[in-house]
Each structure stands twice: as C-alpha cells, then as structure tokens.
Amino acid sequence: MSRLLIVNADDFGLTEGVSRAILRSHRDGVVTSTSVLALGPAFERTVRWLDDAPGLGTGAHLAAVGEDPPLLEAREIPTLVDARGRLRPSWRQFLPLLAARRVDPADIHREFTAQLERIIGAGRTVDHLDTHQNVHLWPAVRDVLFELGERFGVRAVRVTRSSARGVIGSTVRRLARDLEARCDQHGWAYPQASTGLDEAGSLDRGGMVAAVDRLARGGAESAELATHPGERDDPDLRRYRWGYRWGDELEALCSRTVRTAIDEAGFRLGTFAELDPEPTVR
C-alpha cells in the first residue's frame, strides 16, 4: 500500500488572498488539507468558501501569538496579552514568559476554546489541531491541546520537526519526541514524518521537490508537508513581516513538477482523517 502524504496549507482566513490561494492549491494542485486561523482578519469573509471544497481536510490553526487580536477580551485572558490587549507577536517573546510561568495555561485554554468553537460553529469538521508558530510543542500548550482534543473529539495533531543544527533544532527535535510519546500514550494520530518548519515560507518549486524527496527517503508510512501559499501581490500580506514567499509556494503547489515528484516518491495524497492512531500505551 502506498504511503500517505498530507500537503497542508496553513493560515486559511489570514487574508482573502491567502484563502483563495489555498483553495486554488487544492483545486489545481496538491494541497489536501488546510489549517484554519479563527482570528484571521478574513475568517468571516472566507470560511464559507470551504463549502465548495468538500474534499479538503480542515484543521484548527490555534493562535497564542501573532499580529492579530485574540477573540476574547483582555480581562478574560490577562496573562496571554500585553498591556494593550495584544498577543505577543512571536514565540520569541511568548515562550520565555511561559517558561517563567507568567502565562496562565487557563488563559490559553479559554482563548483556544473560543477559536475552536468559532471554526466548528462555522460548520467545519475539524480533523486535526496545530498552532501558529508551532508553540504546541511546548508542554504547557501541548497539554491544553490534548484537553481540547479529547473534549471536542479531535484526536490528531501536527508533530513539528526540524533537521536544523544548533539549539533551536535540537530543542524542536526533543520536544517532537515528547509529543510523539504523548500521542502514543493516549492513542492520538500524527504523521510519522514532517517537513516545512525549517523551510517555512521559502518552498519554491525546487525546495518543495527536495522536501518531498527527503520525506520519501525517510521511509515513513505517513508524512506532512506544511506549506504557506498566497497570492503574490496580496496587499493585505504587508502587515505580516515574516519574509514568506507566498506566491512562490502557490506556484510550486500547482506545478506539474511537484505532483510528479510526489507520484514518483510513491506517496498517495490524503488528509489527517486518514491517519491511523498508534496503539495506546498502558
């Protein structure tokens, strides 16, 4: 039986252009899954567009950091926001506060619950959980995800991995192993391999083919390729200074070159709903 490859496009709802690009990457390309950003400025305007893509898997891209405001008021999540009621812009500001126990996990739980309920309330069936900037690798956030997943019946999660050298790469690998062990213990599903963190926002056609090749050579039975397509001239993306090449990723995802690489690697395309959970460890 061929191996499963989930090609996931993050940030549906970030802008209208990003949402259009994700749907085009599904319709004309290899995207099989998307992670919906409930606090994205274009969420309300674009979430109904998913009704026209019934074969596209849908996950929740839960955000505890970023440029966009949280769904809840500052008084409801006081430790998750700054003095202006804004989320910390990046994991670089958020994780030290979390490590110092200056962020209450209960605040994360309340905000994530509101985001997940907004997605489900819009008629979406959620098949997996992940987070903006992958902060769910951190144990305090990971525990919130497991609580919500059990409550809402979503028992599949992204395991973010890295092959980078240095402290960040080694830390990500350690946290990924911890997350895998937690999933195995509780019978949650996750792709056995993944790429897209080290290359986030820079997967042009050649980079995407190389990423598919690395996943294939790893020999895993299931894998996720995380991507970030968008429209090249989308003016709404100017406020996100991530250095991403959204247009290059859109072009790559719709290219014959990438589809051929996937076929030649022996992958079949699918969604998180097709993953088999590991046996529960007692």
C-alpha atoms as a PDB file:
ATOM      1  CA  MET A   1       0.000   0.000   0.000  1.00  0.00           C
ATOM      2  CA  SER A   2       1.322   3.453  -0.903  1.00  0.00           C
ATOM      3  CA  ARG A   3       2.408   5.865   1.794  1.00  0.00           C
ATOM      4  CA  LEU A   4       0.250   8.795   2.857  1.00  0.00           C
ATOM      5  CA  LEU A   5       1.339  12.388   2.251  1.00  0.00           C
ATOM      6  CA  ILE A   6      -0.697  15.230   3.741  1.00  0.00           C
ATOM      7  CA  VAL A   7       0.032  18.521   1.990  1.00  0.00           C
ATOM      8  CA  ASN A   8      -1.308  21.070   4.473  1.00  0.00           C
ATOM      9  CA  ALA A   9      -1.695  24.785   3.756  1.00  0.00           C
ATOM     10  CA  ASP A  10      -1.638  26.934   6.888  1.00  0.00           C
ATOM     11  CA  ASP A  11      -3.446  30.187   7.687  1.00  0.00           C
ATOM     12  CA  PHE A  12      -6.795  29.902   5.912  1.00  0.00           C
ATOM     13  CA  GLY A  13      -8.590  33.101   6.906  1.00  0.00           C
ATOM     14  CA  LEU A  14      -5.456  35.225   7.265  1.00  0.00           C
ATOM     15  CA  THR A  15      -6.341  37.270   4.171  1.00  0.00           C
ATOM     16  CA  GLU A  16      -8.750  36.802   1.289  1.00  0.00           C
ATOM     17  CA  GLY A  17      -5.761  36.242  -0.990  1.00  0.00           C
ATOM     18  CA  VAL A  18      -4.328  33.503   1.213  1.00  0.00           C
ATOM     19  CA  SER A  19      -7.718  31.778   1.387  1.00  0.00           C
ATOM     20  CA  ARG A  20      -8.130  31.960  -2.394  1.00  0.00           C
ATOM     21  CA  ALA A  21      -4.607  30.618  -2.899  1.00  0.00           C
ATOM     22  CA  ILE A  22      -5.266  27.665  -0.605  1.00  0.00           C
ATOM     23  CA  LEU A  23      -8.421  26.755  -2.485  1.00  0.00           C
ATOM     24  CA  ARG A  24      -6.622  27.091  -5.807  1.00  0.00           C
ATOM     25  CA  SER A  25      -3.779  24.916  -4.496  1.00  0.00           C
ATOM     26  CA  HIS A  26      -6.380  22.290  -3.660  1.00  0.00           C
ATOM     27  CA  ARG A  27      -8.362  22.585  -6.869  1.00  0.00           C
ATOM     28  CA  ASP A  28      -5.424  22.869  -9.284  1.00  0.00           C
ATOM     29  CA  GLY A  29      -2.581  21.462  -7.206  1.00  0.00           C
ATOM     30  CA  VAL A  30      -1.614  19.031  -4.475  1.00  0.00           C
ATOM     31  CA  VAL A  31      -2.974  20.610  -1.269  1.00  0.00           C
ATOM     32  CA  THR A  32      -5.199  18.142   0.587  1.00  0.00           C
ATOM     33  CA  SER A  33      -5.628  19.873   3.939  1.00  0.00           C
ATOM     34  CA  THR A  34      -5.745  23.342   5.456  1.00  0.00           C
ATOM     35  CA  SER A  35      -5.414  24.771   8.960  1.00  0.00           C
ATOM     36  CA  VAL A  36      -7.966  27.498   9.650  1.00  0.00           C
ATOM     37  CA  LEU A  37      -6.930  30.603  11.592  1.00  0.00           C
ATOM     38  CA  ALA A  38     -10.039  31.614  13.535  1.00  0.00           C
ATOM     39  CA  LEU A  39      -8.683  35.035  14.471  1.00  0.00           C
ATOM     40  CA  GLY A  40      -7.549  35.791  10.929  1.00  0.00           C
ATOM     41  CA  PRO A  41      -8.974  39.090   9.647  1.00  0.00           C
ATOM     42  CA  ALA A  42     -10.540  37.334   6.627  1.00  0.00           C
ATOM     43  CA  PHE A  43     -12.045  34.407   8.537  1.00  0.00           C
ATOM     44  CA  GLU A  44     -15.652  35.611   8.457  1.00  0.00           C
ATOM     45  CA  ARG A  45     -15.470  36.597   4.777  1.00  0.00           C
ATOM     46  CA  THR A  46     -13.846  33.375   3.561  1.00  0.00           C
ATOM     47  CA  VAL A  47     -14.740  30.448   5.823  1.00  0.00           C
ATOM     48  CA  ARG A  48     -17.895  29.679   3.787  1.00  0.00           C
ATOM     49  CA  TRP A  49     -15.720  29.269   0.707  1.00  0.00           C
ATOM     50  CA  LEU A  50     -14.679  25.917   2.177  1.00  0.00           C
ATOM     51  CA  ASP A  51     -18.188  24.631   1.431  1.00  0.00           C
ATOM     52  CA  ASP A  52     -17.080  24.428  -2.206  1.00  0.00           C
ATOM     53  CA  ALA A  53     -14.113  22.186  -1.327  1.00  0.00           C
ATOM     54  CA  PRO A  54     -15.629  19.150   0.442  1.00  0.00           C
ATOM     55  CA  GLY A  55     -12.520  17.042  -0.178  1.00  0.00           C
ATOM     56  CA  LEU A  56     -10.211  19.466   1.610  1.00  0.00           C
ATOM     57  CA  GLY A  57      -9.365  18.361   5.149  1.00  0.00           C
ATOM     58  CA  THR A  58      -9.768  21.069   7.769  1.00  0.00           C
ATOM     59  CA  GLY A  59      -7.750  21.608  10.929  1.00  0.00           C
ATOM     60  CA  ALA A  60      -7.647  24.323  13.572  1.00  0.00           C
ATOM     61  CA  HIS A  61      -4.593  26.609  13.487  1.00  0.00           C
ATOM     62  CA  LEU A  62      -4.797  27.816  17.077  1.00  0.00           C
ATOM     63  CA  ALA A  63      -3.005  31.078  17.851  1.00  0.00           C
ATOM     64  CA  ALA A  64      -1.483  32.225  21.142  1.00  0.00           C
ATOM     65  CA  VAL A  65       0.884  34.621  19.349  1.00  0.00           C
ATOM     66  CA  GLY A  66       0.763  36.842  16.282  1.00  0.00           C
ATOM     67  CA  GLU A  67      -0.152  40.220  14.862  1.00  0.00           C
ATOM     68  CA  ASP A  68      -3.924  39.761  15.010  1.00  0.00           C
ATOM     69  CA  PRO A  69      -6.024  40.343  18.141  1.00  0.00           C
ATOM     70  CA  PRO A  70      -7.348  37.441  20.203  1.00  0.00           C
ATOM     71  CA  LEU A  71     -11.031  36.557  20.133  1.00  0.00           C
ATOM     72  CA  LEU A  72     -11.500  37.136  23.858  1.00  0.00           C
ATOM     73  CA  GLU A  73     -11.277  40.375  25.799  1.00  0.00           C
ATOM     74  CA  ALA A  74      -8.075  41.159  27.688  1.00  0.00           C
ATOM     75  CA  ARG A  75      -9.863  40.772  31.043  1.00  0.00           C
ATOM     76  CA  GLU A  76     -10.690  37.158  30.102  1.00  0.00           C
ATOM     77  CA  ILE A  77      -7.097  36.202  29.194  1.00  0.00           C
ATOM     78  CA  PRO A  78      -4.940  38.721  31.105  1.00  0.00           C
ATOM     79  CA  THR A  79      -1.670  36.771  31.066  1.00  0.00           C
ATOM     80  CA  LEU A  80      -1.902  35.943  27.364  1.00  0.00           C
ATOM     81  CA  VAL A  81      -1.855  39.578  26.249  1.00  0.00           C
ATOM     82  CA  ASP A  82       0.265  42.661  26.825  1.00  0.00           C
ATOM     83  CA  ALA A  83      -0.815  45.968  28.354  1.00  0.00           C
ATOM     84  CA  ARG A  84      -2.553  46.926  25.093  1.00  0.00           C
ATOM     85  CA  GLY A  85      -4.535  43.684  24.994  1.00  0.00           C
ATOM     86  CA  ARG A  86      -2.460  42.246  22.136  1.00  0.00           C
ATOM     87  CA  LEU A  87      -0.959  38.805  21.803  1.00  0.00           C
ATOM     88  CA  ARG A  88       2.823  38.618  21.861  1.00  0.00           C
ATOM     89  CA  PRO A  89       3.917  38.879  18.235  1.00  0.00           C
ATOM     90  CA  SER A  90       6.217  35.868  18.246  1.00  0.00           C
ATOM     91  CA  TRP A  91       7.220  32.712  20.068  1.00  0.00           C
ATOM     92  CA  ARG A  92      10.425  34.536  20.932  1.00  0.00           C
ATOM     93  CA  GLN A  93       8.513  36.764  23.352  1.00  0.00           C
ATOM     94  CA  PHE A  94       5.896  34.193  24.354  1.00  0.00           C
ATOM     95  CA  LEU A  95       7.977  31.154  25.327  1.00  0.00           C
ATOM     96  CA  PRO A  96      10.222  32.888  27.903  1.00  0.00           C
ATOM     97  CA  LEU A  97       7.088  34.172  29.646  1.00  0.00           C
ATOM     98  CA  LEU A  98       5.566  30.707  29.536  1.00  0.00           C
ATOM     99  CA  ALA A  99       8.735  29.157  30.944  1.00  0.00           C
ATOM    100  CA  ALA A 100       8.726  31.720  33.751  1.00  0.00           C
ATOM    101  CA  ARG A 101       5.082  30.790  34.493  1.00  0.00           C
ATOM    102  CA  ARG A 102       3.924  34.283  33.678  1.00  0.00           C
ATOM    103  CA  VAL A 103       1.351  32.909  31.224  1.00  0.00           C
ATOM    104  CA  ASP A 104      -1.528  31.027  32.831  1.00  0.00           C
ATOM    105  CA  PRO A 105      -2.420  27.874  30.829  1.00  0.00           C
ATOM    106  CA  ALA A 106      -6.045  28.532  31.757  1.00  0.00           C
ATOM    107  CA  ASP A 107      -5.908  31.701  29.642  1.00  0.00           C
ATOM    108  CA  ILE A 108      -4.556  29.699  26.705  1.00  0.00           C
ATOM    109  CA  HIS A 109      -7.342  27.168  27.242  1.00  0.00           C
ATOM    110  CA  ARG A 110     -10.032  29.857  27.148  1.00  0.00           C
ATOM    111  CA  GLU A 111      -8.692  31.536  24.008  1.00  0.00           C
ATOM    112  CA  PHE A 112      -8.104  28.242  22.172  1.00  0.00           C
ATOM    113  CA  THR A 113     -11.595  27.084  23.115  1.00  0.00           C
ATOM    114  CA  ALA A 114     -13.072  30.263  21.636  1.00  0.00           C
ATOM    115  CA  GLN A 115     -11.072  29.792  18.432  1.00  0.00           C
ATOM    116  CA  LEU A 116     -12.009  26.142  18.053  1.00  0.00           C
ATOM    117  CA  GLU A 117     -15.672  26.866  18.752  1.00  0.00           C
ATOM    118  CA  ARG A 118     -15.626  29.610  16.122  1.00  0.00           C
ATOM    119  CA  ILE A 119     -14.359  27.189  13.485  1.00  0.00           C
ATOM    120  CA  ILE A 120     -16.811  24.447  14.434  1.00  0.00           C
ATOM    121  CA  GLY A 121     -19.615  26.987  14.698  1.00  0.00           C
ATOM    122  CA  ALA A 122     -18.965  27.955  11.076  1.00  0.00           C
ATOM    123  CA  GLY A 123     -19.874  24.406  10.065  1.00  0.00           C
ATOM    124  CA  ARG A 124     -16.406  22.970   9.717  1.00  0.00           C
ATOM    125  CA  THR A 125     -15.456  19.438  10.723  1.00  0.00           C
ATOM    126  CA  VAL A 126     -12.031  19.675  12.349  1.00  0.00           C
ATOM    127  CA  ASP A 127      -9.752  16.680  11.720  1.00  0.00           C
ATOM    128  CA  HIS A 128      -6.548  17.881  13.408  1.00  0.00           C
ATOM    129  CA  LEU A 129      -5.020  20.532  15.646  1.00  0.00           C
ATOM    130  CA  ASP A 130      -1.878  22.598  15.220  1.00  0.00           C
ATOM    131  CA  THR A 131      -0.726  26.045  16.310  1.00  0.00           C
ATOM    132  CA  HIS A 132       0.530  29.283  14.864  1.00  0.00           C
ATOM    133  CA  GLN A 133       4.341  29.301  15.129  1.00  0.00           C
ATOM    134  CA  ASN A 134       4.196  25.716  16.460  1.00  0.00           C
ATOM    135  CA  VAL A 135       4.004  26.711  20.118  1.00  0.00           C
ATOM    136  CA  HIS A 136       2.110  23.494  20.923  1.00  0.00           C
ATOM    137  CA  LEU A 137       5.457  21.727  21.090  1.00  0.00           C
ATOM    138  CA  TRP A 138       5.905  23.432  24.467  1.00  0.00           C
ATOM    139  CA  PRO A 139       4.438  21.193  27.221  1.00  0.00           C
ATOM    140  CA  ALA A 140       2.077  23.748  28.773  1.00  0.00           C
ATOM    141  CA  VAL A 141       0.467  24.486  25.393  1.00  0.00           C
ATOM    142  CA  ARG A 142       0.585  20.831  24.360  1.00  0.00           C
ATOM    143  CA  ASP A 143      -1.415  19.875  27.447  1.00  0.00           C
ATOM    144  CA  VAL A 144      -4.107  22.403  26.519  1.00  0.00           C
ATOM    145  CA  LEU A 145      -4.327  20.898  23.032  1.00  0.00           C
ATOM    146  CA  PHE A 146      -4.786  17.417  24.448  1.00  0.00           C
ATOM    147  CA  GLU A 147      -7.542  18.598  26.784  1.00  0.00           C
ATOM    148  CA  LEU A 148      -9.387  20.319  23.951  1.00  0.00           C
ATOM    149  CA  GLY A 149      -8.863  17.460  21.527  1.00  0.00           C
ATOM    150  CA  GLU A 150     -10.385  14.982  23.939  1.00  0.00           C
ATOM    151  CA  ARG A 151     -13.282  17.337  24.659  1.00  0.00           C
ATOM    152  CA  PHE A 152     -14.094  18.067  21.018  1.00  0.00           C
ATOM    153  CA  GLY A 153     -13.218  14.652  19.599  1.00  0.00           C
ATOM    154  CA  VAL A 154     -10.243  15.836  17.556  1.00  0.00           C
ATOM    155  CA  ARG A 155      -7.505  13.301  18.225  1.00  0.00           C
ATOM    156  CA  ALA A 156      -4.895  14.097  15.582  1.00  0.00           C
ATOM    157  CA  VAL A 157      -2.111  16.652  15.783  1.00  0.00           C
ATOM    158  CA  ARG A 158       0.819  18.048  13.837  1.00  0.00           C
ATOM    159  CA  VAL A 159       4.201  16.974  15.134  1.00  0.00           C
ATOM    160  CA  THR A 160       6.629  19.684  14.076  1.00  0.00           C
ATOM    161  CA  ARG A 161      10.169  18.509  13.366  1.00  0.00           C
ATOM    162  CA  SER A 162      13.485  20.078  12.418  1.00  0.00           C
ATOM    163  CA  SER A 163      16.773  18.959  10.935  1.00  0.00           C
ATOM    164  CA  ALA A 164      18.494  22.266  11.664  1.00  0.00           C
ATOM    165  CA  ARG A 165      21.702  22.435  13.652  1.00  0.00           C
ATOM    166  CA  GLY A 166      22.033  24.418  16.828  1.00  0.00           C
ATOM    167  CA  VAL A 167      19.948  24.963  19.919  1.00  0.00           C
ATOM    168  CA  ILE A 168      16.632  25.592  18.175  1.00  0.00           C
ATOM    169  CA  GLY A 169      16.875  22.490  16.016  1.00  0.00           C
ATOM    170  CA  SER A 170      17.859  20.212  18.889  1.00  0.00           C
ATOM    171  CA  THR A 171      15.141  21.654  21.120  1.00  0.00           C
ATOM    172  CA  VAL A 172      12.480  21.108  18.452  1.00  0.00           C
ATOM    173  CA  ARG A 173      13.600  17.501  17.998  1.00  0.00           C
ATOM    174  CA  ARG A 174      13.434  16.816  21.730  1.00  0.00           C
ATOM    175  CA  LEU A 175      10.006  18.384  22.056  1.00  0.00           C
ATOM    176  CA  ALA A 176       8.784  16.490  18.990  1.00  0.00           C
ATOM    177  CA  ARG A 177       9.824  13.187  20.568  1.00  0.00           C
ATOM    178  CA  ASP A 178       7.961  14.158  23.739  1.00  0.00           C
ATOM    179  CA  LEU A 179       4.852  14.990  21.729  1.00  0.00           C
ATOM    180  CA  GLU A 180       5.033  11.691  19.852  1.00  0.00           C
ATOM    181  CA  ALA A 181       5.288   9.809  23.144  1.00  0.00           C
ATOM    182  CA  ARG A 182       2.262  11.661  24.497  1.00  0.00           C
ATOM    183  CA  CYS A 183       0.292  10.836  21.357  1.00  0.00           C
ATOM    184  CA  ASP A 184       1.260   7.168  21.607  1.00  0.00           C
ATOM    185  CA  GLN A 185       0.224   7.089  25.238  1.00  0.00           C
ATOM    186  CA  HIS A 186      -3.224   8.480  24.503  1.00  0.00           C
ATOM    187  CA  GLY A 187      -3.882   6.901  21.124  1.00  0.00           C
ATOM    188  CA  TRP A 188      -3.694  10.097  19.089  1.00  0.00           C
ATOM    189  CA  ALA A 189      -2.802  10.104  15.396  1.00  0.00           C
ATOM    190  CA  TYR A 190       0.077  12.078  13.877  1.00  0.00           C
ATOM    191  CA  PRO A 191       2.193  11.940  10.712  1.00  0.00           C
ATOM    192  CA  GLN A 192       5.336   9.905  11.286  1.00  0.00           C
ATOM    193  CA  ALA A 193       7.446  12.449   9.415  1.00  0.00           C
ATOM    194  CA  SER A 194       7.095  16.103   8.546  1.00  0.00           C
ATOM    195  CA  THR A 195       8.852  18.997   6.939  1.00  0.00           C
ATOM    196  CA  GLY A 196       8.063  22.661   6.472  1.00  0.00           C
ATOM    197  CA  LEU A 197       9.416  24.233   9.687  1.00  0.00           C
ATOM    198  CA  ASP A 198      12.997  24.808   8.580  1.00  0.00           C
ATOM    199  CA  GLU A 199      11.754  25.808   5.120  1.00  0.00           C
ATOM    200  CA  ALA A 200       8.691  27.783   6.265  1.00  0.00           C
ATOM    201  CA  GLY A 201       7.691  30.363   3.695  1.00  0.00           C
ATOM    202  CA  SER A 202      10.508  29.521   1.283  1.00  0.00           C
ATOM    203  CA  LEU A 203       9.303  26.396  -0.516  1.00  0.00           C
ATOM    204  CA  ASP A 204       9.653  27.308  -4.177  1.00  0.00           C
ATOM    205  CA  ARG A 205       9.360  24.577  -6.780  1.00  0.00           C
ATOM    206  CA  GLY A 206      12.872  23.214  -6.271  1.00  0.00           C
ATOM    207  CA  GLY A 207      12.637  23.405  -2.490  1.00  0.00           C
ATOM    208  CA  MET A 208       9.320  21.595  -2.476  1.00  0.00           C
ATOM    209  CA  VAL A 209      10.631  18.793  -4.657  1.00  0.00           C
ATOM    210  CA  ALA A 210      13.625  18.461  -2.324  1.00  0.00           C
ATOM    211  CA  ALA A 211      11.310  18.350   0.702  1.00  0.00           C
ATOM    212  CA  VAL A 212       9.204  15.593  -0.857  1.00  0.00           C
ATOM    213  CA  ASP A 213      12.392  13.673  -1.644  1.00  0.00           C
ATOM    214  CA  ARG A 214      13.597  13.927   1.966  1.00  0.00           C
ATOM    215  CA  LEU A 215      10.279  12.643   3.253  1.00  0.00           C
ATOM    216  CA  ALA A 216      10.375   9.759   0.788  1.00  0.00           C
ATOM    217  CA  ARG A 217      13.926   8.767   1.709  1.00  0.00           C
ATOM    218  CA  GLY A 218      12.964   8.741   5.376  1.00  0.00           C
ATOM    219  CA  GLY A 219      10.740   5.735   4.753  1.00  0.00           C
ATOM    220  CA  ALA A 220       7.839   6.812   6.982  1.00  0.00           C
ATOM    221  CA  GLU A 221       4.393   5.441   6.210  1.00  0.00           C
ATOM    222  CA  SER A 222       2.794   8.859   6.700  1.00  0.00           C
ATOM    223  CA  ALA A 223       4.145  12.385   6.345  1.00  0.00           C
ATOM    224  CA  GLU A 224       3.056  16.013   6.362  1.00  0.00           C
ATOM    225  CA  LEU A 225       4.354  18.762   4.117  1.00  0.00           C
ATOM    226  CA  ALA A 226       3.381  22.081   5.715  1.00  0.00           C
ATOM    227  CA  THR A 227       3.044  24.950   3.239  1.00  0.00           C
ATOM    228  CA  HIS A 228       2.015  28.620   3.085  1.00  0.00           C
ATOM    229  CA  PRO A 229       0.563  29.577  -0.294  1.00  0.00           C
ATOM    230  CA  GLY A 230      -0.721  33.054  -1.019  1.00  0.00           C
ATOM    231  CA  GLU A 231      -1.282  35.447  -3.877  1.00  0.00           C
ATOM    232  CA  ARG A 232       1.904  37.158  -4.943  1.00  0.00           C
ATOM    233  CA  ASP A 233       0.533  40.723  -4.972  1.00  0.00           C
ATOM    234  CA  ASP A 234      -1.825  40.462  -1.988  1.00  0.00           C
ATOM    235  CA  PRO A 235      -1.635  43.921  -0.316  1.00  0.00           C
ATOM    236  CA  ASP A 236      -3.064  42.566   2.948  1.00  0.00           C
ATOM    237  CA  LEU A 237       0.071  40.489   3.499  1.00  0.00           C
ATOM    238  CA  ARG A 238       2.201  43.608   4.025  1.00  0.00           C
ATOM    239  CA  ARG A 239       1.368  43.663   7.716  1.00  0.00           C
ATOM    240  CA  TYR A 240       2.926  40.207   8.209  1.00  0.00           C
ATOM    241  CA  ARG A 241       6.674  40.708   8.105  1.00  0.00           C
ATOM    242  CA  TRP A 242       7.587  37.046   8.051  1.00  0.00           C
ATOM    243  CA  GLY A 243       9.704  37.113   4.908  1.00  0.00           C
ATOM    244  CA  TYR A 244       7.499  34.435   3.348  1.00  0.00           C
ATOM    245  CA  ARG A 245       7.373  33.868  -0.417  1.00  0.00           C
ATOM    246  CA  TRP A 246       3.666  33.055  -0.545  1.00  0.00           C
ATOM    247  CA  GLY A 247       3.438  33.387  -4.325  1.00  0.00           C
ATOM    248  CA  ASP A 248       6.336  31.004  -4.933  1.00  0.00           C
ATOM    249  CA  GLU A 249       4.656  28.374  -2.759  1.00  0.00           C
ATOM    250  CA  LEU A 250       1.365  28.779  -4.633  1.00  0.00           C
ATOM    251  CA  GLU A 251       3.137  28.305  -7.947  1.00  0.00           C
ATOM    252  CA  ALA A 252       5.011  25.261  -6.690  1.00  0.00           C
ATOM    253  CA  LEU A 253       1.914  23.583  -5.246  1.00  0.00           C
ATOM    254  CA  CYS A 254       0.122  23.916  -8.575  1.00  0.00           C
ATOM    255  CA  SER A 255       3.071  22.767 -10.687  1.00  0.00           C
ATOM    256  CA  ARG A 256       3.331  19.524 -12.608  1.00  0.00           C
ATOM    257  CA  THR A 257       6.895  19.213 -11.302  1.00  0.00           C
ATOM    258  CA  VAL A 258       5.809  18.851  -7.667  1.00  0.00           C
ATOM    259  CA  ARG A 259       2.937  16.494  -8.475  1.00  0.00           C
ATOM    260  CA  THR A 260       5.311  14.282 -10.459  1.00  0.00           C
ATOM    261  CA  ALA A 261       7.789  14.247  -7.566  1.00  0.00           C
ATOM    262  CA  ILE A 262       5.025  13.098  -5.209  1.00  0.00           C
ATOM    263  CA  ASP A 263       3.936  10.346  -7.595  1.00  0.00           C
ATOM    264  CA  GLU A 264       7.490   9.151  -8.203  1.00  0.00           C
ATOM    265  CA  ALA A 265       8.140   9.082  -4.454  1.00  0.00           C
ATOM    266  CA  GLY A 266       5.305   6.579  -4.069  1.00  0.00           C
ATOM    267  CA  PHE A 267       3.042   8.791  -1.976  1.00  0.00           C
ATOM    268  CA  ARG A 268      -0.731   8.966  -2.146  1.00  0.00           C
ATOM    269  CA  LEU A 269      -2.277  12.266  -1.172  1.00  0.00           C
ATOM    270  CA  GLY A 270      -4.702  12.405   1.754  1.00  0.00           C
ATOM    271  CA  THR A 271      -5.759  14.115   4.973  1.00  0.00           C
ATOM    272  CA  PHE A 272      -5.247  13.835   8.719  1.00  0.00           C
ATOM    273  CA  ALA A 273      -8.542  11.937   8.926  1.00  0.00           C
ATOM    274  CA  GLU A 274      -6.824   9.017   7.156  1.00  0.00           C
ATOM    275  CA  LEU A 275      -4.109   8.614   9.776  1.00  0.00           C
ATOM    276  CA  ASP A 276      -4.187   5.557  11.996  1.00  0.00           C
ATOM    277  CA  PRO A 277      -3.505   6.342  15.672  1.00  0.00           C
ATOM    278  CA  GLU A 278      -0.763   4.483  17.448  1.00  0.00           C
ATOM    279  CA  PRO A 279      -1.811   1.839  19.991  1.00  0.00           C
ATOM    280  CA  THR A 280      -2.418   3.300  23.411  1.00  0.00           C
ATOM    281  CA  VAL A 281       0.411   2.583  25.840  1.00  0.00           C
ATOM    282  CA  ARG A 282      -0.862   1.344  29.193  1.00  0.00           C
END
